[in-house]
Amino acid sequence: MGVFVFLPLVLPLTAWPIARLAEQHLHPRTATRLLTGVAAVMAVCSTLCLALVMVVGTAQLPGNPLPDGWSDPEVRAAVPYDEVAGKAAIPALFAVLAVCGRTWWRHARVRRRAHRALAGLRDTEVAVLPDSTPYAYALPGGGRRDRVVVTTGLLECLEPAERRALFAHERAHLSARHHRFLLAVRLAAQANPFLRPLRTAVSYTTERWADEDAAQAVGSRRTVARAIGKAALVSRGGPAATPAGLAGLAAAGPVPRRVAALLGPAPAVRTWPSLFTAVGVAAWGAATGAAVSAMSSANSAVTMVLILHAATPL
């Protein structure tokens, strides 16, 4: 197994270049899917390898429930620096599981609270809250109706065409299930801190994805840009009323960059960038890093299973 067990822990560094270049050179839909896929694969692989290293450390602890053969020198030799790495992996893995579990629970709690807050309103696709604080967000159903939540404070600040852009933007979040991408990269970044740049990038690309879908739906990129700018201006300095983890018109991503992108030409739709470009090299580098991470973790898992099987008396 050797040092290959540690590779998935550091290979997320190969995705840093694409995290920035994808925002600038790829269609937001392509960038979101690419970055989320790479982040998910690398997070699973790094967590698996952390668990494999933890087995060696746990087997050395007195009174552990594992078979005695799992602490044999032949098993410990499979992990370099087993004395330090094995024991350090124990709290590290528990921390990863605890943080990811808390994030999942908070995400579910936020959605439940958001739905309960709408209990007294009519069950329609758009829920208008009588609130002077301007905000709007997309609320996934999760077995219930998907809903667009907007306050009267925000609607009063927008013209009719801008309101249509607002609703189109939030519907795009719901139809593309952007909350799943956001939750996936958030969990990945907590499983491996080296994946945090991908989480930041996906927060931006999902908003850009919704911006482009809204511009196509209303037929005017300038109208969507105007709606985003107004929503950002009236929301600035106010309380953060949008529930955490739910996508909104001006809740995530640098607003000036989004407005500037909408005032320019629509991005080209490409399934994969050319290798002869900077973004193409970065994309292939991230894909290669994810593939090597998967192969390293699979090799380490198979090797560890065979070693433990041989060390366990029948």
C-alpha atoms as a PDB file:
ATOM      1  CA  MET A   1       0.000   0.000   0.000  1.00  0.00           C
ATOM      2  CA  GLY A   2       2.839   2.384   0.900  1.00  0.00           C
ATOM      3  CA  VAL A   3       2.580   6.093   0.283  1.00  0.00           C
ATOM      4  CA  PHE A   4      -0.316   5.548  -2.143  1.00  0.00           C
ATOM      5  CA  VAL A   5      -2.673   5.591   0.824  1.00  0.00           C
ATOM      6  CA  PHE A   6      -1.762   9.230   1.460  1.00  0.00           C
ATOM      7  CA  LEU A   7      -2.121  10.433  -2.151  1.00  0.00           C
ATOM      8  CA  PRO A   8      -5.918  11.022  -2.051  1.00  0.00           C
ATOM      9  CA  LEU A   9      -5.409  13.322   0.929  1.00  0.00           C
ATOM     10  CA  VAL A  10      -3.321  15.795  -1.126  1.00  0.00           C
ATOM     11  CA  LEU A  11      -4.489  15.205  -4.711  1.00  0.00           C
ATOM     12  CA  PRO A  12      -7.302  17.811  -4.342  1.00  0.00           C
ATOM     13  CA  LEU A  13      -4.526  20.353  -4.850  1.00  0.00           C
ATOM     14  CA  THR A  14      -4.589  19.398  -8.541  1.00  0.00           C
ATOM     15  CA  ALA A  15      -8.114  20.864  -8.798  1.00  0.00           C
ATOM     16  CA  TRP A  16      -7.198  24.366  -7.648  1.00  0.00           C
ATOM     17  CA  PRO A  17      -6.391  25.711 -11.149  1.00  0.00           C
ATOM     18  CA  ILE A  18      -9.714  24.577 -12.632  1.00  0.00           C
ATOM     19  CA  ALA A  19     -11.630  26.034  -9.679  1.00  0.00           C
ATOM     20  CA  ARG A  20     -10.694  29.529 -10.858  1.00  0.00           C
ATOM     21  CA  LEU A  21     -10.482  29.023 -14.615  1.00  0.00           C
ATOM     22  CA  ALA A  22     -13.845  27.248 -14.858  1.00  0.00           C
ATOM     23  CA  GLU A  23     -15.626  30.347 -13.544  1.00  0.00           C
ATOM     24  CA  GLN A  24     -14.127  32.449 -16.311  1.00  0.00           C
ATOM     25  CA  HIS A  25     -13.983  30.174 -19.370  1.00  0.00           C
ATOM     26  CA  LEU A  26     -16.592  27.420 -19.084  1.00  0.00           C
ATOM     27  CA  HIS A  27     -20.359  27.554 -19.388  1.00  0.00           C
ATOM     28  CA  PRO A  28     -21.729  27.727 -15.817  1.00  0.00           C
ATOM     29  CA  ARG A  29     -23.622  24.461 -16.259  1.00  0.00           C
ATOM     30  CA  THR A  30     -20.487  22.617 -17.403  1.00  0.00           C
ATOM     31  CA  ALA A  31     -18.373  24.223 -14.674  1.00  0.00           C
ATOM     32  CA  THR A  32     -20.840  23.310 -11.933  1.00  0.00           C
ATOM     33  CA  ARG A  33     -21.076  19.677 -12.965  1.00  0.00           C
ATOM     34  CA  LEU A  34     -17.326  19.301 -13.480  1.00  0.00           C
ATOM     35  CA  LEU A  35     -16.324  20.909 -10.194  1.00  0.00           C
ATOM     36  CA  THR A  36     -18.970  19.057  -8.183  1.00  0.00           C
ATOM     37  CA  GLY A  37     -18.024  15.709  -9.690  1.00  0.00           C
ATOM     38  CA  VAL A  38     -14.322  16.215  -9.039  1.00  0.00           C
ATOM     39  CA  ALA A  39     -14.967  17.401  -5.485  1.00  0.00           C
ATOM     40  CA  ALA A  40     -17.260  14.472  -4.667  1.00  0.00           C
ATOM     41  CA  VAL A  41     -14.840  11.849  -6.010  1.00  0.00           C
ATOM     42  CA  MET A  42     -11.844  13.320  -4.223  1.00  0.00           C
ATOM     43  CA  ALA A  43     -13.704  13.733  -0.946  1.00  0.00           C
ATOM     44  CA  VAL A  44     -14.915  10.119  -0.932  1.00  0.00           C
ATOM     45  CA  CYS A  45     -11.444   8.831  -1.800  1.00  0.00           C
ATOM     46  CA  SER A  46      -9.659  10.884   0.853  1.00  0.00           C
ATOM     47  CA  THR A  47     -12.176   9.827   3.504  1.00  0.00           C
ATOM     48  CA  LEU A  48     -11.788   6.163   2.538  1.00  0.00           C
ATOM     49  CA  CYS A  49      -7.998   6.347   2.805  1.00  0.00           C
ATOM     50  CA  LEU A  50      -8.281   8.132   6.131  1.00  0.00           C
ATOM     51  CA  ALA A  51     -10.426   5.231   7.344  1.00  0.00           C
ATOM     52  CA  LEU A  52      -7.851   2.697   6.135  1.00  0.00           C
ATOM     53  CA  VAL A  53      -5.074   4.462   8.007  1.00  0.00           C
ATOM     54  CA  MET A  54      -7.305   4.673  11.079  1.00  0.00           C
ATOM     55  CA  VAL A  55      -7.668   0.883  11.137  1.00  0.00           C
ATOM     56  CA  VAL A  56      -3.937   0.531  11.728  1.00  0.00           C
ATOM     57  CA  GLY A  57      -3.983   3.150  14.465  1.00  0.00           C
ATOM     58  CA  THR A  58      -7.045   1.710  16.176  1.00  0.00           C
ATOM     59  CA  ALA A  59      -5.620  -1.816  16.181  1.00  0.00           C
ATOM     60  CA  GLN A  60      -2.684  -0.552  18.281  1.00  0.00           C
ATOM     61  CA  LEU A  61      -4.883   0.795  21.062  1.00  0.00           C
ATOM     62  CA  PRO A  62      -5.225  -1.427  24.137  1.00  0.00           C
ATOM     63  CA  GLY A  63      -8.677  -2.864  24.677  1.00  0.00           C
ATOM     64  CA  ASN A  64      -9.881  -2.254  21.126  1.00  0.00           C
ATOM     65  CA  PRO A  65     -12.531  -4.660  19.787  1.00  0.00           C
ATOM     66  CA  LEU A  66     -10.576  -5.443  16.589  1.00  0.00           C
ATOM     67  CA  PRO A  67      -8.917  -8.835  16.024  1.00  0.00           C
ATOM     68  CA  ASP A  68      -5.430  -9.100  17.556  1.00  0.00           C
ATOM     69  CA  GLY A  69      -3.931 -10.000  14.196  1.00  0.00           C
ATOM     70  CA  TRP A  70      -4.765  -6.543  12.864  1.00  0.00           C
ATOM     71  CA  SER A  71      -2.016  -5.054  15.039  1.00  0.00           C
ATOM     72  CA  ASP A  72       0.696  -7.408  13.765  1.00  0.00           C
ATOM     73  CA  PRO A  73       3.869  -5.802  12.409  1.00  0.00           C
ATOM     74  CA  GLU A  74       2.993  -7.025   8.905  1.00  0.00           C
ATOM     75  CA  VAL A  75      -0.238  -5.003   8.992  1.00  0.00           C
ATOM     76  CA  ARG A  76       1.401  -1.878  10.406  1.00  0.00           C
ATOM     77  CA  ALA A  77       4.126  -2.093   7.778  1.00  0.00           C
ATOM     78  CA  ALA A  78       1.505  -1.445   5.085  1.00  0.00           C
ATOM     79  CA  VAL A  79       1.166   2.157   6.303  1.00  0.00           C
ATOM     80  CA  PRO A  80       4.253   4.399   6.367  1.00  0.00           C
ATOM     81  CA  TYR A  81       4.849   6.047   9.747  1.00  0.00           C
ATOM     82  CA  ASP A  82       2.089   3.866  11.198  1.00  0.00           C
ATOM     83  CA  GLU A  83       2.732   4.977  14.777  1.00  0.00           C
ATOM     84  CA  VAL A  84       2.027   8.643  14.031  1.00  0.00           C
ATOM     85  CA  ALA A  85      -0.253   8.475  10.989  1.00  0.00           C
ATOM     86  CA  GLY A  86      -2.430   5.670  12.318  1.00  0.00           C
ATOM     87  CA  LYS A  87      -3.204   7.365  15.616  1.00  0.00           C
ATOM     88  CA  ALA A  88      -3.596  10.819  14.072  1.00  0.00           C
ATOM     89  CA  ALA A  89      -6.157   9.424  11.628  1.00  0.00           C
ATOM     90  CA  ILE A  90      -8.496   8.407  14.457  1.00  0.00           C
ATOM     91  CA  PRO A  91      -9.523  11.912  15.615  1.00  0.00           C
ATOM     92  CA  ALA A  92      -9.252  13.222  12.053  1.00  0.00           C
ATOM     93  CA  LEU A  93     -11.817  10.740  10.732  1.00  0.00           C
ATOM     94  CA  PHE A  94     -14.179  11.287  13.642  1.00  0.00           C
ATOM     95  CA  ALA A  95     -13.923  15.039  13.070  1.00  0.00           C
ATOM     96  CA  VAL A  96     -14.795  14.604   9.380  1.00  0.00           C
ATOM     97  CA  LEU A  97     -17.808  12.425  10.164  1.00  0.00           C
ATOM     98  CA  ALA A  98     -19.011  14.778  12.899  1.00  0.00           C
ATOM     99  CA  VAL A  99     -18.717  17.922  10.776  1.00  0.00           C
ATOM    100  CA  CYS A 100     -20.353  16.347   7.730  1.00  0.00           C
ATOM    101  CA  GLY A 101     -23.140  14.884   9.841  1.00  0.00           C
ATOM    102  CA  ARG A 102     -23.786  18.256  11.468  1.00  0.00           C
ATOM    103  CA  THR A 103     -23.872  19.960   8.061  1.00  0.00           C
ATOM    104  CA  TRP A 104     -26.375  17.439   6.707  1.00  0.00           C
ATOM    105  CA  TRP A 105     -28.565  17.827   9.794  1.00  0.00           C
ATOM    106  CA  ARG A 106     -28.454  21.638   9.624  1.00  0.00           C
ATOM    107  CA  HIS A 107     -29.330  21.588   5.936  1.00  0.00           C
ATOM    108  CA  ALA A 108     -32.389  19.428   6.632  1.00  0.00           C
ATOM    109  CA  ARG A 109     -33.356  21.597   9.610  1.00  0.00           C
ATOM    110  CA  VAL A 110     -33.166  24.811   7.566  1.00  0.00           C
ATOM    111  CA  ARG A 111     -35.432  23.347   4.897  1.00  0.00           C
ATOM    112  CA  ARG A 112     -37.925  22.112   7.489  1.00  0.00           C
ATOM    113  CA  ARG A 113     -38.039  25.520   9.176  1.00  0.00           C
ATOM    114  CA  ALA A 114     -38.448  27.268   5.845  1.00  0.00           C
ATOM    115  CA  HIS A 115     -41.403  25.053   4.962  1.00  0.00           C
ATOM    116  CA  ARG A 116     -42.983  25.565   8.396  1.00  0.00           C
ATOM    117  CA  ALA A 117     -42.662  29.326   7.960  1.00  0.00           C
ATOM    118  CA  LEU A 118     -44.866  29.043   4.861  1.00  0.00           C
ATOM    119  CA  ALA A 119     -47.495  26.872   6.522  1.00  0.00           C
ATOM    120  CA  GLY A 120     -50.066  29.660   6.733  1.00  0.00           C
ATOM    121  CA  LEU A 121     -49.750  30.689   3.084  1.00  0.00           C
ATOM    122  CA  ARG A 122     -51.507  29.296   0.036  1.00  0.00           C
ATOM    123  CA  ASP A 123     -49.825  26.249  -1.494  1.00  0.00           C
ATOM    124  CA  THR A 124     -48.690  27.966  -4.686  1.00  0.00           C
ATOM    125  CA  GLU A 125     -45.451  27.902  -6.630  1.00  0.00           C
ATOM    126  CA  VAL A 126     -44.606  31.456  -5.517  1.00  0.00           C
ATOM    127  CA  ALA A 127     -44.906  32.344  -1.838  1.00  0.00           C
ATOM    128  CA  VAL A 128     -44.995  36.084  -1.109  1.00  0.00           C
ATOM    129  CA  LEU A 129     -44.105  36.966   2.464  1.00  0.00           C
ATOM    130  CA  PRO A 130     -45.385  40.254   3.948  1.00  0.00           C
ATOM    131  CA  ASP A 131     -41.929  41.373   4.995  1.00  0.00           C
ATOM    132  CA  SER A 132     -40.262  44.733   4.328  1.00  0.00           C
ATOM    133  CA  THR A 133     -36.820  43.086   4.281  1.00  0.00           C
ATOM    134  CA  PRO A 134     -35.929  42.481   0.609  1.00  0.00           C
ATOM    135  CA  TYR A 135     -34.885  38.901  -0.138  1.00  0.00           C
ATOM    136  CA  ALA A 136     -35.845  35.905  -2.233  1.00  0.00           C
ATOM    137  CA  TYR A 137     -34.736  32.291  -2.398  1.00  0.00           C
ATOM    138  CA  ALA A 138     -35.561  28.949  -3.970  1.00  0.00           C
ATOM    139  CA  LEU A 139     -36.984  26.381  -1.545  1.00  0.00           C
ATOM    140  CA  PRO A 140     -36.740  22.746  -2.731  1.00  0.00           C
ATOM    141  CA  GLY A 141     -39.713  20.585  -1.906  1.00  0.00           C
ATOM    142  CA  GLY A 142     -38.168  17.344  -0.711  1.00  0.00           C
ATOM    143  CA  GLY A 143     -41.476  15.533  -1.141  1.00  0.00           C
ATOM    144  CA  ARG A 144     -43.470  18.774  -1.148  1.00  0.00           C
ATOM    145  CA  ARG A 145     -43.977  21.418  -3.784  1.00  0.00           C
ATOM    146  CA  ASP A 146     -40.889  23.351  -4.908  1.00  0.00           C
ATOM    147  CA  ARG A 147     -41.502  26.996  -4.098  1.00  0.00           C
ATOM    148  CA  VAL A 148     -40.057  30.412  -4.854  1.00  0.00           C
ATOM    149  CA  VAL A 149     -40.099  32.561  -1.720  1.00  0.00           C
ATOM    150  CA  VAL A 150     -40.011  36.345  -2.111  1.00  0.00           C
ATOM    151  CA  THR A 151     -40.878  39.250   0.154  1.00  0.00           C
ATOM    152  CA  THR A 152     -43.028  42.233  -0.601  1.00  0.00           C
ATOM    153  CA  GLY A 153     -40.016  44.394   0.260  1.00  0.00           C
ATOM    154  CA  LEU A 154     -38.101  43.039  -2.746  1.00  0.00           C
ATOM    155  CA  LEU A 155     -41.035  43.026  -5.144  1.00  0.00           C
ATOM    156  CA  GLU A 156     -41.678  46.713  -4.454  1.00  0.00           C
ATOM    157  CA  CYS A 157     -38.120  47.523  -5.553  1.00  0.00           C
ATOM    158  CA  LEU A 158     -38.383  45.779  -8.936  1.00  0.00           C
ATOM    159  CA  GLU A 159     -40.122  46.652 -12.177  1.00  0.00           C
ATOM    160  CA  PRO A 160     -42.518  44.078 -13.722  1.00  0.00           C
ATOM    161  CA  ALA A 161     -39.859  42.828 -16.189  1.00  0.00           C
ATOM    162  CA  GLU A 162     -37.337  42.535 -13.374  1.00  0.00           C
ATOM    163  CA  ARG A 163     -39.827  40.556 -11.315  1.00  0.00           C
ATOM    164  CA  ARG A 164     -40.164  38.094 -14.181  1.00  0.00           C
ATOM    165  CA  ALA A 165     -36.368  37.805 -14.248  1.00  0.00           C
ATOM    166  CA  LEU A 166     -36.372  37.191 -10.488  1.00  0.00           C
ATOM    167  CA  PHE A 167     -38.914  34.369 -10.741  1.00  0.00           C
ATOM    168  CA  ALA A 168     -37.108  32.851 -13.742  1.00  0.00           C
ATOM    169  CA  HIS A 169     -33.833  32.887 -11.795  1.00  0.00           C
ATOM    170  CA  GLU A 170     -35.306  31.130  -8.773  1.00  0.00           C
ATOM    171  CA  ARG A 171     -37.155  28.591 -10.938  1.00  0.00           C
ATOM    172  CA  ALA A 172     -33.852  27.802 -12.644  1.00  0.00           C
ATOM    173  CA  HIS A 173     -32.350  26.977  -9.237  1.00  0.00           C
ATOM    174  CA  LEU A 174     -35.193  24.584  -8.559  1.00  0.00           C
ATOM    175  CA  SER A 175     -35.387  22.902 -11.942  1.00  0.00           C
ATOM    176  CA  ALA A 176     -31.621  22.260 -12.061  1.00  0.00           C
ATOM    177  CA  ARG A 177     -31.583  21.097  -8.404  1.00  0.00           C
ATOM    178  CA  HIS A 178     -28.757  23.473  -7.534  1.00  0.00           C
ATOM    179  CA  HIS A 179     -29.172  22.790  -3.834  1.00  0.00           C
ATOM    180  CA  ARG A 180     -27.788  19.293  -4.417  1.00  0.00           C
ATOM    181  CA  PHE A 181     -24.628  20.612  -6.039  1.00  0.00           C
ATOM    182  CA  LEU A 182     -24.167  23.130  -3.234  1.00  0.00           C
ATOM    183  CA  LEU A 183     -24.645  20.528  -0.516  1.00  0.00           C
ATOM    184  CA  ALA A 184     -22.301  18.063  -2.239  1.00  0.00           C
ATOM    185  CA  VAL A 185     -19.402  20.508  -2.515  1.00  0.00           C
ATOM    186  CA  ARG A 186     -20.012  21.776   1.001  1.00  0.00           C
ATOM    187  CA  LEU A 187     -19.704  18.251   2.393  1.00  0.00           C
ATOM    188  CA  ALA A 188     -16.668  17.607   0.187  1.00  0.00           C
ATOM    189  CA  ALA A 189     -14.920  20.739   1.449  1.00  0.00           C
ATOM    190  CA  GLN A 190     -15.515  19.656   5.030  1.00  0.00           C
ATOM    191  CA  ALA A 191     -14.233  16.162   4.330  1.00  0.00           C
ATOM    192  CA  ASN A 192     -11.036  17.603   2.842  1.00  0.00           C
ATOM    193  CA  PRO A 193     -10.155  21.281   3.417  1.00  0.00           C
ATOM    194  CA  PHE A 194      -8.112  21.318   0.179  1.00  0.00           C
ATOM    195  CA  LEU A 195     -11.443  21.248  -1.688  1.00  0.00           C
ATOM    196  CA  ARG A 196     -12.666  24.590  -0.332  1.00  0.00           C
ATOM    197  CA  PRO A 197     -11.792  26.520  -3.535  1.00  0.00           C
ATOM    198  CA  LEU A 198     -14.160  24.217  -5.431  1.00  0.00           C
ATOM    199  CA  ARG A 199     -16.944  24.975  -2.979  1.00  0.00           C
ATOM    200  CA  THR A 200     -16.469  28.710  -3.508  1.00  0.00           C
ATOM    201  CA  ALA A 201     -16.405  28.262  -7.270  1.00  0.00           C
ATOM    202  CA  VAL A 202     -19.592  26.178  -7.342  1.00  0.00           C
ATOM    203  CA  SER A 203     -21.401  28.777  -5.215  1.00  0.00           C
ATOM    204  CA  TYR A 204     -20.652  31.245  -8.001  1.00  0.00           C
ATOM    205  CA  THR A 205     -21.263  28.975 -11.010  1.00  0.00           C
ATOM    206  CA  THR A 206     -24.687  27.867  -9.785  1.00  0.00           C
ATOM    207  CA  GLU A 207     -25.740  31.507  -9.602  1.00  0.00           C
ATOM    208  CA  ARG A 208     -24.327  32.131 -13.071  1.00  0.00           C
ATOM    209  CA  TRP A 209     -26.155  29.044 -14.344  1.00  0.00           C
ATOM    210  CA  ALA A 210     -29.433  30.409 -12.999  1.00  0.00           C
ATOM    211  CA  ASP A 211     -28.605  33.840 -14.448  1.00  0.00           C
ATOM    212  CA  GLU A 212     -28.155  32.400 -17.943  1.00  0.00           C
ATOM    213  CA  ASP A 213     -31.327  30.298 -17.733  1.00  0.00           C
ATOM    214  CA  ALA A 214     -33.270  33.351 -16.540  1.00  0.00           C
ATOM    215  CA  ALA A 215     -31.884  35.473 -19.395  1.00  0.00           C
ATOM    216  CA  GLN A 216     -32.976  32.840 -21.885  1.00  0.00           C
ATOM    217  CA  ALA A 217     -36.432  32.602 -20.294  1.00  0.00           C
ATOM    218  CA  VAL A 218     -37.156  36.348 -20.278  1.00  0.00           C
ATOM    219  CA  GLY A 219     -35.301  37.042 -23.514  1.00  0.00           C
ATOM    220  CA  SER A 220     -33.163  39.873 -22.137  1.00  0.00           C
ATOM    221  CA  ARG A 221     -29.768  39.554 -20.496  1.00  0.00           C
ATOM    222  CA  ARG A 222     -29.831  43.248 -19.539  1.00  0.00           C
ATOM    223  CA  THR A 223     -33.112  42.838 -17.619  1.00  0.00           C
ATOM    224  CA  VAL A 224     -31.673  39.995 -15.554  1.00  0.00           C
ATOM    225  CA  ALA A 225     -28.532  42.038 -14.881  1.00  0.00           C
ATOM    226  CA  ARG A 226     -30.660  44.968 -13.745  1.00  0.00           C
ATOM    227  CA  ALA A 227     -32.706  42.754 -11.424  1.00  0.00           C
ATOM    228  CA  ILE A 228     -29.552  41.283  -9.862  1.00  0.00           C
ATOM    229  CA  GLY A 229     -28.032  44.712  -9.357  1.00  0.00           C
ATOM    230  CA  LYS A 230     -31.156  46.162  -7.754  1.00  0.00           C
ATOM    231  CA  ALA A 231     -31.604  43.146  -5.482  1.00  0.00           C
ATOM    232  CA  ALA A 232     -27.992  43.423  -4.335  1.00  0.00           C
ATOM    233  CA  LEU A 233     -28.279  47.153  -3.678  1.00  0.00           C
ATOM    234  CA  VAL A 234     -31.466  46.988  -1.612  1.00  0.00           C
ATOM    235  CA  SER A 235     -30.230  43.933   0.317  1.00  0.00           C
ATOM    236  CA  ARG A 236     -26.877  45.474   1.208  1.00  0.00           C
ATOM    237  CA  GLY A 237     -26.602  46.286   4.875  1.00  0.00           C
ATOM    238  CA  GLY A 238     -29.807  44.469   5.753  1.00  0.00           C
ATOM    239  CA  PRO A 239     -30.105  41.298   7.816  1.00  0.00           C
ATOM    240  CA  ALA A 240     -29.207  37.998   6.211  1.00  0.00           C
ATOM    241  CA  ALA A 241     -32.756  36.806   5.918  1.00  0.00           C
ATOM    242  CA  THR A 242     -32.169  34.162   3.255  1.00  0.00           C
ATOM    243  CA  PRO A 243     -31.848  30.740   4.941  1.00  0.00           C
ATOM    244  CA  ALA A 244     -28.300  29.420   4.837  1.00  0.00           C
ATOM    245  CA  GLY A 245     -27.655  26.911   2.074  1.00  0.00           C
ATOM    246  CA  LEU A 246     -30.570  27.978  -0.110  1.00  0.00           C
ATOM    247  CA  ALA A 247     -29.853  29.698  -3.411  1.00  0.00           C
ATOM    248  CA  GLY A 248     -31.064  33.245  -3.946  1.00  0.00           C
ATOM    249  CA  LEU A 249     -30.933  35.976  -6.548  1.00  0.00           C
ATOM    250  CA  ALA A 250     -28.150  37.953  -4.865  1.00  0.00           C
ATOM    251  CA  ALA A 251     -27.205  35.604  -2.045  1.00  0.00           C
ATOM    252  CA  ALA A 252     -24.017  34.099  -3.462  1.00  0.00           C
ATOM    253  CA  GLY A 253     -21.219  34.981  -5.797  1.00  0.00           C
ATOM    254  CA  PRO A 254     -19.649  38.359  -6.592  1.00  0.00           C
ATOM    255  CA  VAL A 255     -22.561  40.398  -7.932  1.00  0.00           C
ATOM    256  CA  PRO A 256     -20.451  42.779 -10.084  1.00  0.00           C
ATOM    257  CA  ARG A 257     -18.927  39.831 -11.928  1.00  0.00           C
ATOM    258  CA  ARG A 258     -22.350  38.314 -12.538  1.00  0.00           C
ATOM    259  CA  VAL A 259     -23.716  41.597 -13.851  1.00  0.00           C
ATOM    260  CA  ALA A 260     -20.688  42.094 -16.093  1.00  0.00           C
ATOM    261  CA  ALA A 261     -21.084  38.578 -17.494  1.00  0.00           C
ATOM    262  CA  LEU A 262     -24.742  39.220 -18.306  1.00  0.00           C
ATOM    263  CA  LEU A 263     -23.924  42.480 -20.045  1.00  0.00           C
ATOM    264  CA  GLY A 264     -21.530  40.585 -22.308  1.00  0.00           C
ATOM    265  CA  PRO A 265     -22.245  37.846 -24.856  1.00  0.00           C
ATOM    266  CA  ALA A 266     -23.743  34.537 -23.758  1.00  0.00           C
ATOM    267  CA  PRO A 267     -21.118  31.882 -22.911  1.00  0.00           C
ATOM    268  CA  ALA A 268     -20.516  29.153 -25.456  1.00  0.00           C
ATOM    269  CA  VAL A 269     -22.009  25.783 -24.563  1.00  0.00           C
ATOM    270  CA  ARG A 270     -19.209  23.216 -24.627  1.00  0.00           C
ATOM    271  CA  THR A 271     -19.280  19.817 -23.011  1.00  0.00           C
ATOM    272  CA  TRP A 272     -15.489  19.760 -22.532  1.00  0.00           C
ATOM    273  CA  PRO A 273     -12.823  22.429 -23.106  1.00  0.00           C
ATOM    274  CA  SER A 274     -10.068  21.994 -25.682  1.00  0.00           C
ATOM    275  CA  LEU A 275      -6.791  20.588 -24.381  1.00  0.00           C
ATOM    276  CA  PHE A 276      -4.912  23.375 -26.140  1.00  0.00           C
ATOM    277  CA  THR A 277      -6.209  26.033 -23.745  1.00  0.00           C
ATOM    278  CA  ALA A 278      -5.358  26.918 -20.154  1.00  0.00           C
ATOM    279  CA  VAL A 279      -8.787  25.843 -18.927  1.00  0.00           C
ATOM    280  CA  GLY A 280      -8.476  22.592 -20.894  1.00  0.00           C
ATOM    281  CA  VAL A 281      -5.140  21.758 -19.280  1.00  0.00           C
ATOM    282  CA  ALA A 282      -6.583  22.604 -15.855  1.00  0.00           C
ATOM    283  CA  ALA A 283      -9.695  20.474 -16.488  1.00  0.00           C
ATOM    284  CA  TRP A 284      -7.640  17.491 -17.598  1.00  0.00           C
ATOM    285  CA  GLY A 285      -5.356  17.986 -14.603  1.00  0.00           C
ATOM    286  CA  ALA A 286      -8.303  17.917 -12.207  1.00  0.00           C
ATOM    287  CA  ALA A 287      -9.822  14.902 -13.979  1.00  0.00           C
ATOM    288  CA  THR A 288      -6.484  13.091 -13.839  1.00  0.00           C
ATOM    289  CA  GLY A 289      -6.135  13.941 -10.158  1.00  0.00           C
ATOM    290  CA  ALA A 290      -9.604  12.535  -9.472  1.00  0.00           C
ATOM    291  CA  ALA A 291      -8.801   9.368 -11.449  1.00  0.00           C
ATOM    292  CA  VAL A 292      -5.480   8.851  -9.661  1.00  0.00           C
ATOM    293  CA  SER A 293      -7.233   9.470  -6.353  1.00  0.00           C
ATOM    294  CA  ALA A 294      -9.831   6.827  -7.167  1.00  0.00           C
ATOM    295  CA  MET A 295      -7.209   4.313  -8.273  1.00  0.00           C
ATOM    296  CA  SER A 296      -5.017   4.957  -5.227  1.00  0.00           C
ATOM    297  CA  SER A 297      -7.891   4.572  -2.790  1.00  0.00           C
ATOM    298  CA  ALA A 298      -9.148   1.429  -4.552  1.00  0.00           C
ATOM    299  CA  ASN A 299      -5.652  -0.084  -4.564  1.00  0.00           C
ATOM    300  CA  SER A 300      -5.165   0.780  -0.899  1.00  0.00           C
ATOM    301  CA  ALA A 301      -8.558  -0.648   0.063  1.00  0.00           C
ATOM    302  CA  VAL A 302      -7.986  -3.941  -1.763  1.00  0.00           C
ATOM    303  CA  THR A 303      -4.452  -4.251  -0.357  1.00  0.00           C
ATOM    304  CA  MET A 304      -5.631  -3.559   3.182  1.00  0.00           C
ATOM    305  CA  VAL A 305      -8.475  -6.074   2.924  1.00  0.00           C
ATOM    306  CA  LEU A 306      -6.083  -8.774   1.703  1.00  0.00           C
ATOM    307  CA  ILE A 307      -3.561  -8.002   4.453  1.00  0.00           C
ATOM    308  CA  LEU A 308      -6.213  -8.010   7.184  1.00  0.00           C
ATOM    309  CA  HIS A 309      -7.696 -11.231   5.840  1.00  0.00           C
ATOM    310  CA  ALA A 310      -4.307 -12.892   5.939  1.00  0.00           C
ATOM    311  CA  ALA A 311      -3.609 -11.598   9.460  1.00  0.00           C
ATOM    312  CA  THR A 312      -6.976 -12.712  10.872  1.00  0.00           C
ATOM    313  CA  PRO A 313      -7.009 -16.308  12.160  1.00  0.00           C
ATOM    314  CA  LEU A 314      -9.877 -18.418  10.857  1.00  0.00           C
END
